[in-house]
Amino acid sequence: MAGKVTSQGSGILLVTANVGSLFEDPTNLQKTWLKEFYQALGSCYFVHESLKNIHQFDFKAKKFKKVVGKEIYSDTLESTSMLEKEKFPQNYFPECKWSRKGFIRTRWTLEDCAFDLVNIHLFHDASNLVAWENSPSVYSGTRQKALGYVLDRITDQRYDKVPYFLFGDFNFRLDSKQVIQSLCSSATMQTVRAADTDEVNQLIFRESDNDRKVVLQLEKKLFNYINQDVFRENNGMLLLEFDKELSVFKDRLHELEISFPPSYPYSEDCSQGKQYMNTRCPAWCDRILMSASARDLVLKPETDEKSVAYDNIGSNVCMGDHKPVFLSFRLTTGAGKPNANKHKCCVVQ
């Protein structure tokens, strides 16, 4: 989160960025990444010094504390009461012997309005071949279970309910079976099996005519489609209909209109800023979602559309395999305030 006070209110910028690939080539990637990030952020900070009346919630004491100076938590994050951090139960994704997947929640007040910021990382698709087997895929079901777990935790009865923003690498994927059927509607499928185990290790989709040209090669970690332009033209909007994982939570989670291309998996080659890797079907993995009450803070009746932006960062340069996604808006003093009860202005009963 970042914020800066102007005459129009406090600017809020939420950014989600999966930075794992930056460590593969720090000499080249980090410089470009930070340059683009600074252009979006203005300065590199968590809370701008112009914000004089911001408080952070102490989950153990169950009260807000004024934010002053600088706080550095270098021990395990579980030891601080200023945030909640949980990893998902191991049985949620038994294919992984160890996982960092989970969520972190912090709670803030700004302009006398309380809200939660919840960073999340959900499970990925381990195999393109498994993802193709069913619609929706087994991986989609795993992510649905984990996301439901997070929503139940952050809205339970332990603390007052406030608007929340949920952002991170959700690993949402297009419905593999349906998108492949659409992309390869006129193709025939060839199944290639391992000689020793008879296990399917490749699917090859060929045109019925046109010299049997290969349209798509699909393996566990290969998604080699003949024409990547379909994922970039008009920001990939033709494929947005196959982005269905959020529909299960349509009554609990809201999102602004997507107008940027799939955020993953981009090439990590510094000269290929717009090119996707042929490892996975491009998808909108990185998102910023919100509760209904948080959406009301972003899209107030008097809000100028130009003051709200939901987009990616570094669209023309290499930012690693994920393009960071941001949401920016202005929070005016007393936004959504039903009464004069300080720090309770956005409490949802």
Protein backbone atom coordinates (compact mmCIF):
# COMPACT_ATOMS: atom_id res chain seq x y z
CA MET A 1 0.00 0.00 0.00
CA ALA A 2 1.13 3.54 -0.70
CA GLY A 3 -0.56 6.85 -0.11
CA LYS A 4 -0.03 10.56 -0.51
CA VAL A 5 -2.20 13.47 0.55
CA THR A 6 -3.41 16.03 -2.00
CA SER A 7 -6.21 18.57 -2.03
CA GLN A 8 -8.46 15.89 -3.56
CA GLY A 9 -7.87 13.44 -0.71
CA SER A 10 -5.43 10.65 0.06
CA GLY A 11 -4.16 8.70 -2.92
CA ILE A 12 -4.17 4.93 -2.48
CA LEU A 13 -2.08 2.61 -4.65
CA LEU A 14 -2.27 -1.16 -4.17
CA VAL A 15 0.25 -3.22 -6.14
CA THR A 16 0.50 -6.99 -6.44
CA ALA A 17 3.73 -8.36 -7.93
CA ASN A 18 5.10 -11.89 -7.92
CA VAL A 19 8.83 -11.09 -7.78
CA GLY A 20 10.26 -14.61 -7.70
CA SER A 21 11.77 -14.43 -11.18
CA LEU A 22 13.67 -11.23 -10.34
CA PHE A 23 16.22 -13.33 -8.50
CA GLU A 24 16.98 -15.37 -11.63
CA ASP A 25 18.66 -12.40 -13.33
CA PRO A 26 19.02 -9.61 -10.75
CA THR A 27 21.56 -7.62 -12.76
CA ASN A 28 19.17 -7.00 -15.64
CA LEU A 29 15.66 -7.66 -14.38
CA GLN A 30 15.73 -5.76 -11.08
CA LYS A 31 16.88 -2.50 -12.63
CA THR A 32 14.09 -2.51 -15.22
CA TRP A 33 11.52 -3.68 -12.70
CA LEU A 34 12.33 -0.97 -10.18
CA LYS A 35 12.38 1.73 -12.88
CA GLU A 36 8.85 0.83 -13.96
CA PHE A 37 7.70 0.45 -10.37
CA TYR A 38 9.02 3.88 -9.39
CA GLN A 39 7.11 5.45 -12.33
CA ALA A 40 3.87 3.96 -11.02
CA LEU A 41 4.54 4.70 -7.39
CA GLY A 42 6.30 8.06 -7.57
CA SER A 43 8.54 7.09 -4.65
CA CYS A 44 9.34 3.78 -3.01
CA TYR A 45 7.47 3.80 0.30
CA PHE A 46 4.82 2.01 2.27
CA VAL A 47 3.25 5.01 4.01
CA HIS A 48 4.07 8.47 2.70
CA GLU A 49 5.25 11.00 5.27
CA SER A 50 2.40 13.38 4.32
CA LEU A 51 -0.08 10.97 5.90
CA LYS A 52 -0.23 12.37 9.41
CA ASN A 53 -3.19 10.47 10.80
CA ILE A 54 -2.76 6.82 9.91
CA HIS A 55 -3.13 3.96 12.38
CA GLN A 56 -2.34 0.26 12.22
CA PHE A 57 -4.27 -2.41 14.10
CA ASP A 58 -2.74 -4.53 16.83
CA PHE A 59 -4.52 -7.89 16.52
CA LYS A 60 -3.48 -9.01 19.99
CA ALA A 61 -4.44 -5.83 21.84
CA LYS A 62 -7.44 -5.36 19.51
CA LYS A 63 -6.82 -1.66 19.12
CA PHE A 64 -5.25 0.75 16.65
CA LYS A 65 -1.82 2.28 17.15
CA LYS A 66 -0.65 5.47 15.51
CA VAL A 67 1.94 4.90 12.79
CA VAL A 68 5.10 6.91 13.48
CA GLY A 69 8.68 6.56 12.36
CA LYS A 70 9.86 3.27 10.91
CA GLU A 71 9.13 -0.26 12.07
CA ILE A 72 11.23 -3.22 10.95
CA TYR A 73 10.17 -6.78 11.72
CA SER A 74 13.12 -9.08 11.07
CA ASP A 75 12.02 -12.07 13.12
CA THR A 76 9.37 -14.53 12.01
CA LEU A 77 6.26 -12.62 11.02
CA GLU A 78 4.10 -14.83 13.23
CA SER A 79 5.72 -13.19 16.26
CA THR A 80 4.30 -9.72 15.64
CA SER A 81 0.79 -8.78 16.66
CA MET A 82 0.53 -6.13 13.93
CA LEU A 83 -0.49 -8.66 11.31
CA GLU A 84 -2.13 -12.03 10.82
CA LYS A 85 -0.27 -14.64 8.77
CA GLU A 86 -1.35 -18.17 7.95
CA LYS A 87 -0.22 -20.88 5.58
CA PHE A 88 -2.84 -23.18 4.11
CA PRO A 89 -3.28 -26.62 5.67
CA GLN A 90 -0.99 -29.18 4.04
CA ASN A 91 -3.91 -31.35 2.90
CA TYR A 92 -5.17 -28.53 0.67
CA PHE A 93 -2.48 -29.33 -1.87
CA PRO A 94 -0.94 -32.73 -1.05
CA GLU A 95 1.18 -32.70 -4.24
CA CYS A 96 3.45 -30.15 -2.54
CA LYS A 97 5.56 -31.48 0.32
CA TRP A 98 6.18 -27.90 1.45
CA SER A 99 4.51 -24.66 0.47
CA ARG A 100 4.66 -20.95 1.25
CA LYS A 101 1.11 -20.46 -0.01
CA GLY A 102 -1.19 -18.61 2.37
CA PHE A 103 -2.18 -15.06 3.32
CA ILE A 104 -1.13 -12.04 5.39
CA ARG A 105 -3.62 -9.50 6.73
CA THR A 106 -3.00 -6.02 8.09
CA ARG A 107 -5.61 -3.49 9.18
CA TRP A 108 -5.33 0.29 8.82
CA THR A 109 -7.23 3.51 9.34
CA LEU A 110 -6.75 6.41 6.96
CA GLU A 111 -8.92 9.51 6.75
CA ASP A 112 -10.91 8.04 9.70
CA CYS A 113 -11.75 4.96 7.62
CA ALA A 114 -10.73 1.43 8.57
CA PHE A 115 -9.89 -1.25 6.02
CA ASP A 116 -8.00 -4.53 5.71
CA LEU A 117 -5.22 -5.27 3.22
CA VAL A 118 -4.93 -9.00 2.59
CA ASN A 119 -2.07 -10.35 0.51
CA ILE A 120 -2.64 -13.85 -0.85
CA HIS A 121 -0.83 -16.54 -2.82
CA LEU A 122 -2.90 -19.49 -4.09
CA PHE A 123 -1.88 -22.82 -5.60
CA HIS A 124 -0.68 -23.12 -9.18
CA ASP A 125 -1.51 -25.63 -11.92
CA ALA A 126 1.09 -28.38 -11.53
CA SER A 127 0.39 -29.95 -14.93
CA ASN A 128 -1.20 -28.63 -18.11
CA LEU A 129 -2.27 -32.18 -18.95
CA VAL A 130 -4.13 -32.61 -15.66
CA ALA A 131 -5.70 -29.14 -15.98
CA TRP A 132 -7.05 -30.16 -19.40
CA GLU A 133 -8.83 -33.28 -18.14
CA ASN A 134 -11.89 -31.67 -16.56
CA SER A 135 -13.88 -28.44 -16.72
CA PRO A 136 -13.42 -26.85 -14.25
CA SER A 137 -10.02 -28.36 -13.46
CA VAL A 138 -9.06 -30.05 -10.22
CA TYR A 139 -6.68 -27.16 -9.56
CA SER A 140 -9.53 -24.67 -9.82
CA GLY A 141 -11.31 -26.58 -7.06
CA THR A 142 -8.23 -26.42 -4.86
CA ARG A 143 -7.94 -22.66 -5.30
CA GLN A 144 -11.65 -22.24 -4.60
CA LYS A 145 -11.29 -24.12 -1.32
CA ALA A 146 -8.26 -22.08 -0.26
CA LEU A 147 -9.82 -18.74 -1.17
CA GLY A 148 -12.98 -19.65 0.70
CA TYR A 149 -10.82 -20.45 3.72
CA VAL A 150 -9.23 -16.98 3.60
CA LEU A 151 -12.57 -15.20 3.23
CA ASP A 152 -14.01 -17.10 6.19
CA ARG A 153 -10.97 -16.23 8.33
CA ILE A 154 -10.96 -12.50 7.58
CA THR A 155 -14.72 -12.15 8.13
CA ASP A 156 -15.15 -14.28 11.24
CA GLN A 157 -16.31 -12.97 14.62
CA ARG A 158 -12.92 -12.32 16.22
CA TYR A 159 -12.70 -8.71 15.04
CA ASP A 160 -14.98 -5.97 13.75
CA LYS A 161 -15.79 -6.37 10.07
CA VAL A 162 -14.33 -3.66 7.86
CA PRO A 163 -13.91 -3.24 4.08
CA TYR A 164 -11.11 -5.39 2.73
CA PHE A 165 -8.87 -5.47 -0.32
CA LEU A 166 -7.58 -8.89 -1.33
CA PHE A 167 -4.65 -8.90 -3.73
CA GLY A 168 -1.79 -11.11 -4.87
CA ASP A 169 -1.05 -14.06 -7.12
CA PHE A 170 -4.36 -15.91 -7.13
CA ASN A 171 -3.03 -18.24 -9.83
CA PHE A 172 -6.44 -18.03 -11.49
CA ARG A 173 -6.28 -19.80 -14.86
CA LEU A 174 -8.51 -19.91 -17.88
CA ASP A 175 -10.72 -22.99 -18.05
CA SER A 176 -8.16 -25.15 -19.87
CA LYS A 177 -10.53 -27.60 -21.48
CA GLN A 178 -12.84 -24.91 -22.82
CA VAL A 179 -10.11 -22.53 -24.00
CA ILE A 180 -8.28 -25.32 -25.84
CA GLN A 181 -11.51 -26.44 -27.46
CA SER A 182 -12.02 -22.86 -28.62
CA LEU A 183 -8.46 -22.32 -29.85
CA CYS A 184 -8.33 -25.72 -31.56
CA SER A 185 -11.95 -26.02 -32.71
CA SER A 186 -11.01 -27.24 -36.20
CA ALA A 187 -8.07 -29.39 -35.14
CA THR A 188 -7.73 -33.10 -34.46
CA MET A 189 -5.95 -34.37 -31.35
CA GLN A 190 -3.06 -36.83 -31.28
CA THR A 191 -2.17 -38.49 -27.97
CA VAL A 192 1.46 -39.39 -27.30
CA ARG A 193 2.16 -41.86 -24.50
CA ALA A 194 5.35 -42.82 -22.68
CA ALA A 195 6.66 -46.14 -23.95
CA ASP A 196 7.46 -47.54 -20.52
CA THR A 197 4.39 -46.43 -18.50
CA ASP A 198 1.76 -45.77 -21.18
CA GLU A 199 1.12 -42.48 -19.42
CA VAL A 200 0.00 -39.57 -21.58
CA ASN A 201 2.91 -37.12 -21.81
CA GLN A 202 1.90 -35.01 -24.83
CA LEU A 203 -1.16 -33.90 -26.76
CA ILE A 204 -0.72 -32.57 -30.29
CA PHE A 205 -3.53 -30.65 -31.98
CA ARG A 206 -3.26 -30.47 -35.79
CA GLU A 207 -5.32 -28.75 -38.45
CA SER A 208 -7.56 -31.21 -40.28
CA ASP A 209 -6.30 -29.77 -43.57
CA ASN A 210 -3.65 -27.09 -44.27
CA ASP A 211 -0.94 -29.81 -44.39
CA ARG A 212 -1.87 -30.95 -40.88
CA LYS A 213 -0.12 -27.94 -39.37
CA VAL A 214 0.43 -28.18 -35.60
CA VAL A 215 -1.79 -25.69 -33.76
CA LEU A 216 -0.98 -26.58 -30.15
CA GLN A 217 1.49 -28.81 -28.32
CA LEU A 218 0.52 -29.58 -24.75
CA GLU A 219 2.74 -31.20 -22.14
CA LYS A 220 3.01 -31.03 -18.35
CA LYS A 221 4.91 -27.73 -18.54
CA LEU A 222 4.45 -26.85 -22.21
CA PHE A 223 1.69 -24.82 -23.82
CA ASN A 224 2.98 -24.03 -27.29
CA TYR A 225 0.20 -22.35 -29.28
CA ILE A 226 0.76 -21.31 -32.89
CA ASN A 227 -0.37 -17.69 -32.51
CA GLN A 228 0.36 -15.73 -29.34
CA ASP A 229 -1.33 -12.64 -30.77
CA VAL A 230 -4.69 -13.96 -29.57
CA PHE A 231 -3.52 -13.30 -25.99
CA ARG A 232 -2.37 -9.76 -26.76
CA GLU A 233 -4.83 -8.37 -29.32
CA ASN A 234 -7.44 -6.19 -27.62
CA ASN A 235 -5.75 -7.15 -24.33
CA GLY A 236 -6.87 -10.75 -24.77
CA MET A 237 -10.51 -9.83 -24.20
CA LEU A 238 -11.73 -12.62 -26.49
CA LEU A 239 -10.48 -15.11 -23.90
CA LEU A 240 -11.80 -13.34 -20.82
CA GLU A 241 -14.98 -15.43 -21.04
CA PHE A 242 -12.89 -18.45 -19.99
CA ASP A 243 -11.73 -16.66 -16.82
CA LYS A 244 -14.35 -18.22 -14.54
CA GLU A 245 -12.76 -18.97 -11.18
CA LEU A 246 -13.98 -15.79 -9.51
CA SER A 247 -17.62 -16.43 -10.46
CA VAL A 248 -18.03 -18.77 -7.48
CA PHE A 249 -17.43 -15.78 -5.19
CA LYS A 250 -19.51 -13.20 -7.10
CA ASP A 251 -21.55 -12.42 -3.97
CA ARG A 252 -18.48 -11.93 -1.78
CA LEU A 253 -15.75 -10.48 -4.00
CA HIS A 254 -15.76 -7.66 -6.54
CA GLU A 255 -13.30 -6.48 -9.16
CA LEU A 256 -13.04 -3.51 -11.46
CA GLU A 257 -13.21 -4.18 -15.17
CA ILE A 258 -10.08 -5.88 -16.54
CA SER A 259 -8.58 -3.98 -19.46
CA PHE A 260 -5.03 -5.36 -19.48
CA PRO A 261 -3.59 -8.54 -21.06
CA PRO A 262 -3.09 -11.77 -19.10
CA SER A 263 -0.46 -11.09 -16.44
CA TYR A 264 1.36 -14.46 -16.67
CA PRO A 265 3.60 -16.16 -17.91
CA TYR A 266 5.77 -13.54 -19.59
CA SER A 267 9.22 -14.25 -20.98
CA GLU A 268 12.10 -13.57 -18.60
CA ASP A 269 14.29 -12.56 -21.54
CA CYS A 270 14.99 -8.84 -21.10
CA SER A 271 14.56 -8.26 -24.85
CA GLN A 272 11.11 -9.88 -24.96
CA GLY A 273 8.93 -7.63 -22.79
CA LYS A 274 5.66 -8.49 -24.56
CA GLN A 275 6.34 -12.15 -25.29
CA TYR A 276 4.72 -14.98 -23.32
CA MET A 277 6.63 -18.11 -22.38
CA ASN A 278 5.38 -21.35 -23.92
CA THR A 279 4.98 -22.99 -20.53
CA ARG A 280 1.37 -22.21 -19.56
CA CYS A 281 -1.72 -20.80 -21.17
CA PRO A 282 -1.60 -17.04 -20.46
CA ALA A 283 -4.02 -16.05 -17.71
CA TRP A 284 -4.98 -13.22 -15.37
CA CYS A 285 -3.23 -14.69 -12.32
CA ASP A 286 -2.53 -11.39 -10.55
CA ARG A 287 -5.59 -9.51 -9.33
CA ILE A 288 -6.88 -6.96 -6.83
CA LEU A 289 -10.30 -7.87 -5.44
CA MET A 290 -12.43 -6.24 -2.79
CA SER A 291 -15.47 -6.57 -0.58
CA ALA A 292 -18.68 -4.76 -1.49
CA SER A 293 -17.99 -2.10 1.14
CA ALA A 294 -14.44 -1.59 -0.21
CA ARG A 295 -15.83 -1.22 -3.72
CA ASP A 296 -18.09 1.53 -2.39
CA LEU A 297 -14.99 3.36 -1.13
CA VAL A 298 -13.35 3.12 -4.56
CA LEU A 299 -16.42 3.90 -6.66
CA LYS A 300 -18.23 6.58 -4.71
CA PRO A 301 -21.11 8.33 -6.57
CA GLU A 302 -19.04 11.48 -6.94
CA THR A 303 -15.90 9.64 -8.09
CA ASP A 304 -14.28 10.86 -11.28
CA GLU A 305 -13.59 7.78 -13.43
CA LYS A 306 -10.18 9.18 -14.32
CA SER A 307 -9.13 9.09 -10.66
CA VAL A 308 -9.50 5.29 -10.52
CA ALA A 309 -7.13 2.99 -12.40
CA TYR A 310 -6.83 -0.81 -12.55
CA ASP A 311 -3.97 -1.84 -14.81
CA ASN A 312 -0.59 -3.53 -15.07
CA ILE A 313 2.92 -2.09 -14.78
CA GLY A 314 5.66 -2.32 -17.39
CA SER A 315 3.53 -3.54 -20.28
CA ASN A 316 6.30 -2.96 -22.82
CA VAL A 317 9.33 -4.14 -20.86
CA CYS A 318 10.42 -7.31 -19.10
CA MET A 319 9.18 -7.40 -15.50
CA GLY A 320 9.79 -11.11 -14.91
CA ASP A 321 7.23 -13.85 -15.54
CA HIS A 322 4.44 -11.83 -13.86
CA LYS A 323 3.42 -8.28 -14.78
CA PRO A 324 2.62 -6.37 -11.55
CA VAL A 325 -1.00 -5.24 -11.31
CA PHE A 326 -2.15 -2.11 -9.48
CA LEU A 327 -5.30 -0.39 -8.28
CA SER A 328 -5.18 3.33 -7.54
CA PHE A 329 -7.94 5.55 -6.17
CA ARG A 330 -8.53 8.44 -3.79
CA LEU A 331 -9.90 8.07 -0.29
CA THR A 332 -11.58 11.24 0.89
CA THR A 333 -11.91 12.21 4.54
CA GLY A 334 -14.85 10.43 6.16
CA ALA A 335 -15.48 8.26 3.10
CA GLY A 336 -18.47 6.04 3.76
CA LYS A 337 -18.75 7.40 7.29
CA PRO A 338 -22.19 6.69 8.79
CA ASN A 339 -21.49 8.25 12.17
CA ALA A 340 -18.86 10.10 14.17
CA ASN A 341 -17.48 6.97 15.84
CA LYS A 342 -13.79 7.27 15.03
CA HIS A 343 -12.17 4.24 13.41
CA LYS A 344 -15.59 2.62 13.03
CA CYS A 345 -16.67 4.58 9.95
CA CYS A 346 -16.48 1.61 7.62
CA VAL A 347 -17.52 -1.16 9.93
CA VAL A 348 -19.94 -3.54 8.24
CA GLN A 349 -22.48 -5.13 10.51
